[in-house]
C-alpha atoms as a PDB file:
ATOM      1  CA  MET A   1    -108.258-158.038 -22.153  1.00  0.00           C
ATOM      2  CA  THR A   2    -105.229-158.542 -24.387  1.00  0.00           C
ATOM      3  CA  ASP A   3    -104.377-161.766 -26.209  1.00  0.00           C
ATOM      4  CA  CYS A   4    -101.326-162.109 -23.967  1.00  0.00           C
ATOM      5  CA  GLU A   5    -103.494-161.920 -20.828  1.00  0.00           C
ATOM      6  CA  LEU A   6    -105.911-164.470 -22.254  1.00  0.00           C
ATOM      7  CA  GLN A   7    -103.059-166.842 -23.035  1.00  0.00           C
ATOM      8  CA  ARG A   8    -101.677-166.449 -19.533  1.00  0.00           C
ATOM      9  CA  ASN A   9    -105.103-167.126 -18.008  1.00  0.00           C
ATOM     10  CA  GLN A  10    -105.478-170.201 -20.192  1.00  0.00           C
ATOM     11  CA  GLN A  11    -102.122-171.453 -18.937  1.00  0.00           C
ATOM     12  CA  ILE A  12    -103.196-170.899 -15.330  1.00  0.00           C
ATOM     13  CA  PHE A  13    -106.525-172.627 -15.946  1.00  0.00           C
ATOM     14  CA  ASP A  14    -104.930-175.677 -17.564  1.00  0.00           C
ATOM     15  CA  THR A  15    -102.113-175.976 -15.010  1.00  0.00           C
ATOM     16  CA  LEU A  16    -104.438-175.757 -11.998  1.00  0.00           C
ATOM     17  CA  ASN A  17    -106.638-178.463 -13.510  1.00  0.00           C
ATOM     18  CA  GLU A  18    -103.610-180.666 -14.149  1.00  0.00           C
ATOM     19  CA  THR A  19    -102.026-180.200 -10.712  1.00  0.00           C
ATOM     20  CA  LYS A  20    -105.252-180.689  -8.743  1.00  0.00           C
ATOM     21  CA  LYS A  21    -104.946-183.694  -6.455  1.00  0.00           C
ATOM     22  CA  GLN A  22    -107.311-185.720  -4.323  1.00  0.00           C
ATOM     23  CA  GLU A  23    -106.830-188.615  -1.935  1.00  0.00           C
ATOM     24  CA  PRO A  24    -109.435-191.056  -0.559  1.00  0.00           C
ATOM     25  CA  LYS A  25    -111.758-189.387   1.977  1.00  0.00           C
ATOM     26  CA  SER A  26    -110.025-186.056   1.407  1.00  0.00           C
ATOM     27  CA  PRO A  27    -111.041-182.899  -0.462  1.00  0.00           C
ATOM     28  CA  GLU A  28    -109.220-181.786  -3.579  1.00  0.00           C
ATOM     29  CA  PHE A  29    -106.001-179.936  -2.881  1.00  0.00           C
ATOM     30  CA  TRP A  30    -103.007-178.293  -4.541  1.00  0.00           C
ATOM     31  CA  LEU A  31     -99.340-178.459  -3.567  1.00  0.00           C
ATOM     32  CA  TRP A  32     -97.490-175.303  -2.614  1.00  0.00           C
ATOM     33  CA  SER A  33     -94.668-176.228  -4.981  1.00  0.00           C
ATOM     34  CA  ASP A  34     -97.075-176.331  -7.936  1.00  0.00           C
ATOM     35  CA  LEU A  35     -98.701-173.018  -6.983  1.00  0.00           C
ATOM     36  CA  ALA A  36     -95.299-171.380  -6.540  1.00  0.00           C
ATOM     37  CA  SER A  37     -94.133-172.636  -9.931  1.00  0.00           C
ATOM     38  CA  LEU A  38     -97.236-171.149 -11.515  1.00  0.00           C
ATOM     39  CA  HIS A  39     -96.888-167.795  -9.712  1.00  0.00           C
ATOM     40  CA  PRO A  40     -93.158-167.245  -9.032  1.00  0.00           C
ATOM     41  CA  LYS A  41     -93.779-163.487  -9.094  1.00  0.00           C
ATOM     42  CA  PHE A  42     -95.127-163.575  -5.526  1.00  0.00           C
ATOM     43  CA  LEU A  43     -94.692-167.155  -4.280  1.00  0.00           C
ATOM     44  CA  ASN A  44     -91.416-168.873  -3.421  1.00  0.00           C
ATOM     45  CA  LYS A  45     -91.160-172.665  -3.422  1.00  0.00           C
ATOM     46  CA  SER A  46     -88.903-172.737  -0.391  1.00  0.00           C
ATOM     47  CA  ALA A  47     -90.729-170.032   1.611  1.00  0.00           C
ATOM     48  CA  PHE A  48     -93.585-172.005   3.103  1.00  0.00           C
ATOM     49  CA  ILE A  49     -96.622-170.418   4.721  1.00  0.00           C
ATOM     50  CA  PRO A  50     -96.564-170.336   8.552  1.00  0.00           C
ATOM     51  CA  VAL A  51     -99.461-172.745   9.064  1.00  0.00           C
ATOM     52  CA  ASP A  52    -100.780-171.490  12.417  1.00  0.00           C
ATOM     53  CA  TRP A  53    -100.576-167.832  11.389  1.00  0.00           C
ATOM     54  CA  PHE A  54    -102.310-168.460   8.075  1.00  0.00           C
ATOM     55  CA  SER A  55    -105.020-170.653   9.645  1.00  0.00           C
ATOM     56  CA  ASP A  56    -105.754-168.190  12.460  1.00  0.00           C
ATOM     57  CA  LYS A  57    -105.953-165.254  10.068  1.00  0.00           C
ATOM     58  CA  MET A  58    -108.244-167.141   7.692  1.00  0.00           C
ATOM     59  CA  HIS A  59    -110.422-168.338  10.586  1.00  0.00           C
ATOM     60  CA  ALA A  60    -110.814-164.793  11.903  1.00  0.00           C
ATOM     61  CA  THR A  61    -111.827-163.494   8.479  1.00  0.00           C
ATOM     62  CA  ILE A  62    -114.362-166.261   7.888  1.00  0.00           C
ATOM     63  CA  THR A  63    -115.963-166.141  11.330  1.00  0.00           C
ATOM     64  CA  GLN A  64    -116.309-162.372  11.033  1.00  0.00           C
ATOM     65  CA  SER A  65    -118.431-162.925   7.921  1.00  0.00           C
ATOM     66  CA  ILE A  66    -120.196-166.054   9.210  1.00  0.00           C
ATOM     67  CA  PRO A  67    -120.919-165.615  12.943  1.00  0.00           C
ATOM     68  CA  ALA A  68    -122.393-169.152  13.126  1.00  0.00           C
ATOM     69  CA  PHE A  69    -118.823-170.504  12.913  1.00  0.00           C
ATOM     70  CA  GLU A  70    -117.646-168.596  15.997  1.00  0.00           C
ATOM     71  CA  THR A  71    -118.708-171.423  18.304  1.00  0.00           C
ATOM     72  CA  MET A  72    -116.495-174.003  16.565  1.00  0.00           C
ATOM     73  CA  VAL A  73    -114.332-175.870  19.052  1.00  0.00           C
ATOM     74  CA  GLU A  74    -111.547-176.635  16.573  1.00  0.00           C
ATOM     75  CA  GLN A  75    -110.489-174.888  13.419  1.00  0.00           C
ATOM     76  CA  PRO A  76    -110.870-176.974  10.265  1.00  0.00           C
ATOM     77  CA  VAL A  77    -107.553-177.859   8.627  1.00  0.00           C
ATOM     78  CA  HIS A  78    -107.123-176.303   5.189  1.00  0.00           C
ATOM     79  CA  ILE A  79    -103.340-176.169   5.004  1.00  0.00           C
ATOM     80  CA  LYS A  80    -100.897-178.851   6.055  1.00  0.00           C
ATOM     81  CA  THR A  81     -97.117-179.226   5.839  1.00  0.00           C
ATOM     82  CA  ILE A  82     -96.093-182.645   4.521  1.00  0.00           C
ATOM     83  CA  ASN A  83     -93.054-184.740   3.638  1.00  0.00           C
ATOM     84  CA  THR A  84     -92.765-185.839   0.039  1.00  0.00           C
ATOM     85  CA  ASN A  85     -90.527-188.602  -1.216  1.00  0.00           C
ATOM     86  CA  ASN A  86     -88.623-187.899  -4.408  1.00  0.00           C
ATOM     87  CA  VAL A  87     -86.540-190.526  -6.179  1.00  0.00           C
ATOM     88  CA  CYS A  88     -83.020-189.299  -6.820  1.00  0.00           C
ATOM     89  CA  GLN A  89     -79.956-191.005  -8.262  1.00  0.00           C
ATOM     90  CA  ARG A  90     -76.831-191.313  -6.118  1.00  0.00           C
ATOM     91  CA  ILE A  91     -73.508-191.572  -7.884  1.00  0.00           C
ATOM     92  CA  THR A  92     -72.162-194.701  -6.287  1.00  0.00           C
ATOM     93  CA  PRO A  93     -70.328-197.762  -7.527  1.00  0.00           C
ATOM     94  CA  CYS A  94     -73.648-199.564  -7.662  1.00  0.00           C
ATOM     95  CA  ASP A  95     -75.416-196.591  -9.252  1.00  0.00           C
ATOM     96  CA  THR A  96     -78.331-196.958  -6.811  1.00  0.00           C
ATOM     97  CA  PHE A  97     -81.525-194.946  -6.452  1.00  0.00           C
ATOM     98  CA  GLU A  98     -82.698-193.626  -3.098  1.00  0.00           C
ATOM     99  CA  LEU A  99     -85.675-191.747  -1.688  1.00  0.00           C
ATOM    100  CA  GLU A 100     -85.004-188.165  -0.701  1.00  0.00           C
ATOM    101  CA  LYS A 101     -87.427-186.545   1.730  1.00  0.00           C
ATOM    102  CA  THR A 102     -88.458-182.982   0.957  1.00  0.00           C
ATOM    103  CA  MET A 103     -91.035-180.628   2.421  1.00  0.00           C
ATOM    104  CA  ASP A 104     -94.168-179.328   0.750  1.00  0.00           C
ATOM    105  CA  GLN A 105     -97.614-178.071   1.723  1.00  0.00           C
ATOM    106  CA  LYS A 106    -101.145-179.110   0.849  1.00  0.00           C
ATOM    107  CA  LEU A 107    -103.791-176.409   0.428  1.00  0.00           C
ATOM    108  CA  THR A 108    -107.489-176.983  -0.073  1.00  0.00           C
ATOM    109  CA  ARG A 109    -109.488-175.041  -2.640  1.00  0.00           C
ATOM    110  CA  LEU A 110    -110.682-172.749   0.159  1.00  0.00           C
ATOM    111  CA  ALA A 111    -107.145-172.058   1.386  1.00  0.00           C
ATOM    112  CA  CYS A 112    -106.015-171.341  -2.178  1.00  0.00           C
ATOM    113  CA  GLU A 113    -108.846-168.851  -2.717  1.00  0.00           C
ATOM    114  CA  TYR A 114    -107.965-167.058   0.504  1.00  0.00           C
ATOM    115  CA  LEU A 115    -104.257-167.061  -0.420  1.00  0.00           C
ATOM    116  CA  PHE A 116    -104.661-165.552  -3.876  1.00  0.00           C
ATOM    117  CA  LYS A 117    -107.089-162.910  -2.630  1.00  0.00           C
ATOM    118  CA  GLN A 118    -104.004-161.314  -1.082  1.00  0.00           C
ATOM    119  CA  TYR A 119    -102.250-160.675  -4.401  1.00  0.00           C
ATOM    120  CA  TYR A 120    -103.115-158.076  -6.995  1.00  0.00           C
ATOM    121  CA  SER A 121    -102.871-159.370 -10.579  1.00  0.00           C
ATOM    122  CA  ALA A 122    -103.978-162.810  -9.330  1.00  0.00           C
ATOM    123  CA  GLU A 123    -107.699-162.156  -9.844  1.00  0.00           C
ATOM    124  CA  PHE A 124    -108.119-164.946 -12.400  1.00  0.00           C
ATOM    125  CA  THR A 125    -106.514-167.476 -10.047  1.00  0.00           C
ATOM    126  CA  GLN A 126    -108.759-166.366  -7.183  1.00  0.00           C
ATOM    127  CA  ALA A 127    -111.782-166.703  -9.479  1.00  0.00           C
ATOM    128  CA  TYR A 128    -110.680-170.228 -10.444  1.00  0.00           C
ATOM    129  CA  PHE A 129    -110.819-171.375  -6.822  1.00  0.00           C
ATOM    130  CA  LEU A 130    -113.884-169.336  -5.859  1.00  0.00           C
ATOM    131  CA  PHE A 131    -116.049-170.603  -8.729  1.00  0.00           C
ATOM    132  CA  PRO A 132    -115.189-174.311  -9.106  1.00  0.00           C
ATOM    133  CA  ASN A 133    -117.850-175.044 -11.725  1.00  0.00           C
ATOM    134  CA  ALA A 134    -117.206-172.041 -13.962  1.00  0.00           C
ATOM    135  CA  THR A 135    -115.892-172.348 -17.495  1.00  0.00           C
ATOM    136  CA  PHE A 136    -112.752-170.581 -18.675  1.00  0.00           C
ATOM    137  CA  ASN A 137    -114.780-167.808 -20.325  1.00  0.00           C
ATOM    138  CA  GLU A 138    -116.984-167.381 -17.247  1.00  0.00           C
ATOM    139  CA  LEU A 139    -113.898-166.958 -15.059  1.00  0.00           C
ATOM    140  CA  ASN A 140    -112.528-164.265 -17.353  1.00  0.00           C
ATOM    141  CA  ASP A 141    -115.820-162.411 -17.012  1.00  0.00           C
ATOM    142  CA  LYS A 142    -115.377-162.387 -13.216  1.00  0.00           C
ATOM    143  CA  ILE A 143    -111.988-160.650 -13.220  1.00  0.00           C
ATOM    144  CA  ASP A 144    -113.240-157.052 -13.391  1.00  0.00           C
ATOM    145  CA  ASP A 145    -115.853-157.751 -10.696  1.00  0.00           C
ATOM    146  CA  ILE A 146    -113.168-159.131  -8.384  1.00  0.00           C
ATOM    147  CA  LYS A 147    -110.972-156.082  -9.033  1.00  0.00           C
ATOM    148  CA  ILE A 148    -113.880-153.799  -8.071  1.00  0.00           C
ATOM    149  CA  TYR A 149    -114.550-155.889  -4.953  1.00  0.00           C
ATOM    150  CA  ARG A 150    -110.912-155.765  -3.860  1.00  0.00           C
ATOM    151  CA  ARG A 151    -110.517-152.038  -4.419  1.00  0.00           C
ATOM    152  CA  HIS A 152    -113.766-151.293  -2.670  1.00  0.00           C
ATOM    153  CA  GLN A 153    -112.584-153.279   0.335  1.00  0.00           C
ATOM    154  CA  ASP A 154    -109.351-151.274   0.376  1.00  0.00           C
ATOM    155  CA  ILE A 155    -111.300-148.018   0.417  1.00  0.00           C
ATOM    156  CA  HIS A 156    -113.644-149.061   3.194  1.00  0.00           C
ATOM    157  CA  ASN A 157    -110.737-150.329   5.276  1.00  0.00           C
ATOM    158  CA  VAL A 158    -108.953-146.975   5.033  1.00  0.00           C
ATOM    159  CA  ILE A 159    -112.218-145.119   5.763  1.00  0.00           C
ATOM    160  CA  ARG A 160    -112.752-147.224   8.896  1.00  0.00           C
ATOM    161  CA  GLN A 161    -109.141-146.721   9.962  1.00  0.00           C
ATOM    162  CA  ALA A 162    -109.518-142.957   9.606  1.00  0.00           C
ATOM    163  CA  ALA A 163    -112.768-143.106  11.596  1.00  0.00           C
ATOM    164  CA  SER A 164    -111.070-144.866  14.507  1.00  0.00           C
ATOM    165  CA  ILE A 165    -108.342-142.201  14.572  1.00  0.00           C
ATOM    166  CA  ILE A 166    -110.905-139.391  14.532  1.00  0.00           C
ATOM    167  CA  LEU A 167    -112.726-140.986  17.476  1.00  0.00           C
ATOM    168  CA  ARG A 168    -109.471-141.355  19.380  1.00  0.00           C
ATOM    169  CA  ILE A 169    -108.087-137.865  18.961  1.00  0.00           C
ATOM    170  CA  THR A 170    -111.412-136.031  19.419  1.00  0.00           C
ATOM    171  CA  ARG A 171    -112.569-138.284  22.275  1.00  0.00           C
ATOM    172  CA  ARG A 172    -116.149-137.981  21.056  1.00  0.00           C
ATOM    173  CA  THR A 173    -118.879-140.219  19.644  1.00  0.00           C
ATOM    174  CA  LYS A 174    -119.564-141.771  16.244  1.00  0.00           C
ATOM    175  CA  ALA A 175    -121.644-138.727  15.400  1.00  0.00           C
ATOM    176  CA  THR A 176    -118.341-136.881  15.249  1.00  0.00           C
ATOM    177  CA  VAL A 177    -117.151-139.106  12.403  1.00  0.00           C
ATOM    178  CA  CYS A 178    -120.358-138.463  10.457  1.00  0.00           C
ATOM    179  CA  GLU A 179    -119.896-134.732  10.856  1.00  0.00           C
ATOM    180  CA  VAL A 180    -116.256-134.874   9.770  1.00  0.00           C
ATOM    181  CA  TYR A 181    -116.988-137.076   6.758  1.00  0.00           C
ATOM    182  CA  GLN A 182    -119.933-134.902   5.741  1.00  0.00           C
ATOM    183  CA  ASN A 183    -117.547-131.944   5.531  1.00  0.00           C
ATOM    184  CA  THR A 184    -114.922-134.053   3.765  1.00  0.00           C
ATOM    185  CA  TRP A 185    -117.266-135.210   0.994  1.00  0.00           C
ATOM    186  CA  THR A 186    -118.864-131.803   0.464  1.00  0.00           C
ATOM    187  CA  GLN A 187    -115.374-130.339  -0.010  1.00  0.00           C
ATOM    188  CA  PHE A 188    -114.371-133.110  -2.409  1.00  0.00           C
ATOM    189  CA  PHE A 189    -117.501-132.648  -4.532  1.00  0.00           C
ATOM    190  CA  ASN A 190    -117.666-128.850  -4.057  1.00  0.00           C
ATOM    191  CA  THR A 191    -121.256-128.848  -2.826  1.00  0.00           C
ATOM    192  CA  ASP A 192    -123.170-127.607   0.191  1.00  0.00           C
ATOM    193  CA  ASN A 193    -125.697-130.430   0.123  1.00  0.00           C
ATOM    194  CA  LEU A 194    -124.982-134.060  -0.757  1.00  0.00           C
ATOM    195  CA  ASP A 195    -128.676-134.863  -1.138  1.00  0.00           C
ATOM    196  CA  ASP A 196    -129.002-132.171  -3.802  1.00  0.00           C
ATOM    197  CA  LEU A 197    -125.964-133.613  -5.560  1.00  0.00           C
ATOM    198  CA  LYS A 198    -127.585-137.033  -5.523  1.00  0.00           C
ATOM    199  CA  LYS A 199    -130.743-135.661  -7.119  1.00  0.00           C
ATOM    200  CA  GLN A 200    -128.754-133.735  -9.700  1.00  0.00           C
ATOM    201  CA  TYR A 201    -127.021-136.903 -10.923  1.00  0.00           C
ATOM    202  CA  ASN A 202    -130.099-139.122 -10.531  1.00  0.00           C
ATOM    203  CA  ILE A 203    -128.430-141.458  -8.037  1.00  0.00           C
ATOM    204  CA  GLU A 204    -131.045-143.693  -6.452  1.00  0.00           C
ATOM    205  CA  HIS A 205    -129.454-147.096  -6.045  1.00  0.00           C
ATOM    206  CA  SER A 206    -127.993-146.691  -2.546  1.00  0.00           C
ATOM    207  CA  PRO A 207    -127.959-144.323   0.427  1.00  0.00           C
ATOM    208  CA  PHE A 208    -125.691-141.404  -0.433  1.00  0.00           C
ATOM    209  CA  ASP A 209    -124.002-141.525   2.939  1.00  0.00           C
ATOM    210  CA  ASN A 210    -120.510-141.192   4.328  1.00  0.00           C
ATOM    211  CA  MET A 211    -119.407-144.740   3.559  1.00  0.00           C
ATOM    212  CA  GLN A 212    -120.835-145.374   0.084  1.00  0.00           C
ATOM    213  CA  LEU A 213    -119.919-142.423  -2.094  1.00  0.00           C
ATOM    214  CA  ASP A 214    -117.287-144.513  -3.863  1.00  0.00           C
ATOM    215  CA  PHE A 215    -120.112-146.701  -5.193  1.00  0.00           C
ATOM    216  CA  SER A 216    -121.406-143.690  -7.083  1.00  0.00           C
ATOM    217  CA  MET A 217    -118.130-142.998  -8.897  1.00  0.00           C
ATOM    218  CA  TYR A 218    -116.486-145.041 -11.605  1.00  0.00           C
ATOM    219  CA  PRO A 219    -113.716-147.313 -10.203  1.00  0.00           C
ATOM    220  CA  ASN A 220    -110.988-145.571 -12.218  1.00  0.00           C
ATOM    221  CA  GLN A 221    -111.465-142.581  -9.915  1.00  0.00           C
ATOM    222  CA  TRP A 222    -111.526-144.543  -6.662  1.00  0.00           C
ATOM    223  CA  ASP A 223    -107.786-144.104  -6.215  1.00  0.00           C
ATOM    224  CA  TYR A 224    -108.350-140.423  -5.415  1.00  0.00           C
ATOM    225  CA  ILE A 225    -110.816-141.369  -2.673  1.00  0.00           C
ATOM    226  CA  TYR A 226    -108.383-143.926  -1.273  1.00  0.00           C
ATOM    227  CA  ASN A 227    -105.573-141.364  -1.320  1.00  0.00           C
ATOM    228  CA  MET A 228    -107.800-138.775   0.358  1.00  0.00           C
ATOM    229  CA  PHE A 229    -108.443-140.965   3.397  1.00  0.00           C
ATOM    230  CA  ARG A 230    -104.881-142.239   3.454  1.00  0.00           C
ATOM    231  CA  ASP A 231    -103.700-138.623   3.640  1.00  0.00           C
ATOM    232  CA  ILE A 232    -106.183-137.957   6.442  1.00  0.00           C
ATOM    233  CA  ILE A 233    -104.693-140.856   8.395  1.00  0.00           C
ATOM    234  CA  VAL A 234    -101.134-139.607   7.838  1.00  0.00           C
ATOM    235  CA  GLN A 235    -102.044-136.099   9.011  1.00  0.00           C
ATOM    236  CA  LEU A 236    -104.156-137.049  12.027  1.00  0.00           C
ATOM    237  CA  ASP A 237    -102.616-140.222  13.435  1.00  0.00           C
ATOM    238  CA  PRO A 238     -99.569-138.612  15.127  1.00  0.00           C
ATOM    239  CA  HIS A 239    -101.808-136.399  17.279  1.00  0.00           C
ATOM    240  CA  GLU A 240    -102.950-137.396  20.754  1.00  0.00           C
ATOM    241  CA  ALA A 241    -105.830-134.922  20.872  1.00  0.00           C
ATOM    242  CA  LEU A 242    -107.348-132.291  18.584  1.00  0.00           C
ATOM    243  CA  GLU A 243    -110.392-130.086  18.625  1.00  0.00           C
ATOM    244  CA  LEU A 244    -113.159-131.148  16.271  1.00  0.00           C
ATOM    245  CA  GLU A 245    -112.791-127.954  14.257  1.00  0.00           C
ATOM    246  CA  ASP A 246    -109.111-128.699  13.627  1.00  0.00           C
ATOM    247  CA  VAL A 247    -109.937-132.217  12.440  1.00  0.00           C
ATOM    248  CA  VAL A 248    -112.596-130.911  10.047  1.00  0.00           C
ATOM    249  CA  THR A 249    -110.161-128.351   8.649  1.00  0.00           C
ATOM    250  CA  GLN A 250    -107.460-130.962   8.071  1.00  0.00           C
ATOM    251  CA  CYS A 251    -109.872-133.379   6.383  1.00  0.00           C
ATOM    252  CA  LYS A 252    -111.199-130.655   4.094  1.00  0.00           C
ATOM    253  CA  GLU A 253    -107.637-129.768   3.101  1.00  0.00           C
ATOM    254  CA  CYS A 254    -106.959-133.410   2.171  1.00  0.00           C
ATOM    255  CA  ALA A 255    -110.207-133.489   0.187  1.00  0.00           C
ATOM    256  CA  GLN A 256    -109.287-130.326  -1.702  1.00  0.00           C
ATOM    257  CA  ILE A 257    -105.854-131.708  -2.577  1.00  0.00           C
ATOM    258  CA  GLN A 258    -107.343-134.854  -4.115  1.00  0.00           C
ATOM    259  CA  ARG A 259    -110.040-132.840  -5.876  1.00  0.00           C
ATOM    260  CA  ASN A 260    -107.286-130.762  -7.465  1.00  0.00           C
ATOM    261  CA  MET A 261    -105.277-133.874  -8.360  1.00  0.00           C
ATOM    262  CA  LEU A 262    -108.249-135.503 -10.078  1.00  0.00           C
ATOM    263  CA  LYS A 263    -108.939-132.310 -12.003  1.00  0.00           C
ATOM    264  CA  LYS A 264    -105.275-132.071 -13.033  1.00  0.00           C
ATOM    265  CA  HIS A 265    -105.031-135.649 -14.308  1.00  0.00           C
ATOM    266  CA  THR A 266    -108.467-136.028 -15.917  1.00  0.00           C
ATOM    267  CA  GLY A 267    -109.519-132.500 -16.826  1.00  0.00           C
ATOM    268  CA  LYS A 268    -112.795-133.032 -14.952  1.00  0.00           C
ATOM    269  CA  ASN A 269    -114.121-132.420 -11.447  1.00  0.00           C
ATOM    270  CA  PRO A 270    -115.022-135.394  -9.186  1.00  0.00           C
ATOM    271  CA  GLU A 271    -118.774-134.790  -9.483  1.00  0.00           C
ATOM    272  CA  GLU A 272    -118.513-135.251 -13.253  1.00  0.00           C
ATOM    273  CA  PHE A 273    -117.599-138.898 -12.627  1.00  0.00           C
ATOM    274  CA  LEU A 274    -120.703-139.616 -10.590  1.00  0.00           C
ATOM    275  CA  THR A 275    -122.971-142.271 -12.088  1.00  0.00           C
ATOM    276  CA  LYS A 276    -126.415-143.703 -11.405  1.00  0.00           C
ATOM    277  CA  ILE A 277    -125.068-147.203 -12.163  1.00  0.00           C
ATOM    278  CA  ASP A 278    -124.964-149.294  -8.996  1.00  0.00           C
ATOM    279  CA  LEU A 279    -121.279-150.227  -9.002  1.00  0.00           C
ATOM    280  CA  GLY A 280    -121.659-151.533  -5.466  1.00  0.00           C
ATOM    281  CA  LEU A 281    -123.729-154.430  -6.788  1.00  0.00           C
ATOM    282  CA  LYS A 282    -120.706-156.097  -8.394  1.00  0.00           C
ATOM    283  CA  SER A 283    -118.720-155.835  -5.190  1.00  0.00           C
ATOM    284  CA  LYS A 284    -121.616-157.225  -3.166  1.00  0.00           C
ATOM    285  CA  GLN A 285    -122.016-160.170  -5.540  1.00  0.00           C
ATOM    286  CA  ILE A 286    -118.385-161.205  -5.059  1.00  0.00           C
ATOM    287  CA  ASP A 287    -118.652-160.689  -1.301  1.00  0.00           C
ATOM    288  CA  ASP A 288    -121.781-162.873  -1.184  1.00  0.00           C
ATOM    289  CA  ALA A 289    -120.106-165.508  -3.362  1.00  0.00           C
ATOM    290  CA  ARG A 290    -117.172-165.726  -0.931  1.00  0.00           C
ATOM    291  CA  LYS A 291    -119.478-166.076   2.056  1.00  0.00           C
ATOM    292  CA  GLN A 292    -121.448-168.860   0.343  1.00  0.00           C
ATOM    293  CA  PHE A 293    -118.206-170.556  -0.673  1.00  0.00           C
ATOM    294  CA  TRP A 294    -116.883-170.433   2.899  1.00  0.00           C
ATOM    295  CA  PHE A 295    -120.186-171.609   4.375  1.00  0.00           C
ATOM    296  CA  LYS A 296    -120.237-174.624   2.068  1.00  0.00           C
ATOM    297  CA  ASN A 297    -116.567-175.625   2.285  1.00  0.00           C
ATOM    298  CA  TYR A 298    -114.973-174.427   5.522  1.00  0.00           C
ATOM    299  CA  LYS A 299    -116.249-177.158   7.837  1.00  0.00           C
ATOM    300  CA  THR A 300    -116.949-179.943   5.364  1.00  0.00           C
ATOM    301  CA  ASN A 301    -113.975-179.893   2.982  1.00  0.00           C
ATOM    302  CA  SER A 302    -111.016-179.797   5.364  1.00  0.00           C
ATOM    303  CA  LEU A 303    -107.910-181.968   5.177  1.00  0.00           C
END
């Protein structure tokens, strides 16, 4: 991390501490105007969050991870639009001062964490809200883990999206997806047997299956995996129906393209970036931390 990045993180850390607010019988919260001033790159002071949309989306995400919350009758309130009174001077003969009403929004720590999860380059800010008791140095240490977690989520989302398309256009079962992905990965790694490849590179930390191969490669190479499945989606989605053999052929072509691209840009083949280090552990730790954070704060620390 550069000195400039450290200075910026220190500014964020200090400003969030200074702008934190709390009212009697209410959890700590931050104002949208303060957050937007701190991150004008992707937040606009005057462009408020649609409260219902944001709350519903956050509720769906949390209940998907914590099924026990699905039976809740009412959603907890973690974002609220408010009126604020600002003193402003009016140029009058009496030179009087009046109160001017303006709009703002209150966001709890939980709402802030969910908000900044959506923005790349805001990993330190997300860490600040996710780990309330962490020191400045501890938060900096979490940045790379959060980046791995986010990218891994992106990859699995595109893999699942491709799987749903394959099921739709082949009109077959989930076994079809396994067969297609088996062919896709073997093409990408230029092997006839993934289990043999696993043994060759001494990979023991996780099942070497269709959904976890990215865990066995260093994150700098994950973009090629993401692009491979994105290309599969682009090629397959327009079709209403295809034979399984045609789908396999198309997926293998996409895999070969990304294999060639990786070789071109790095001078190495994909299998040379395989590692026995369990990179999935860092992603899982952040995922578990978010679930624990939600479980502790979603119901109890609402506005």
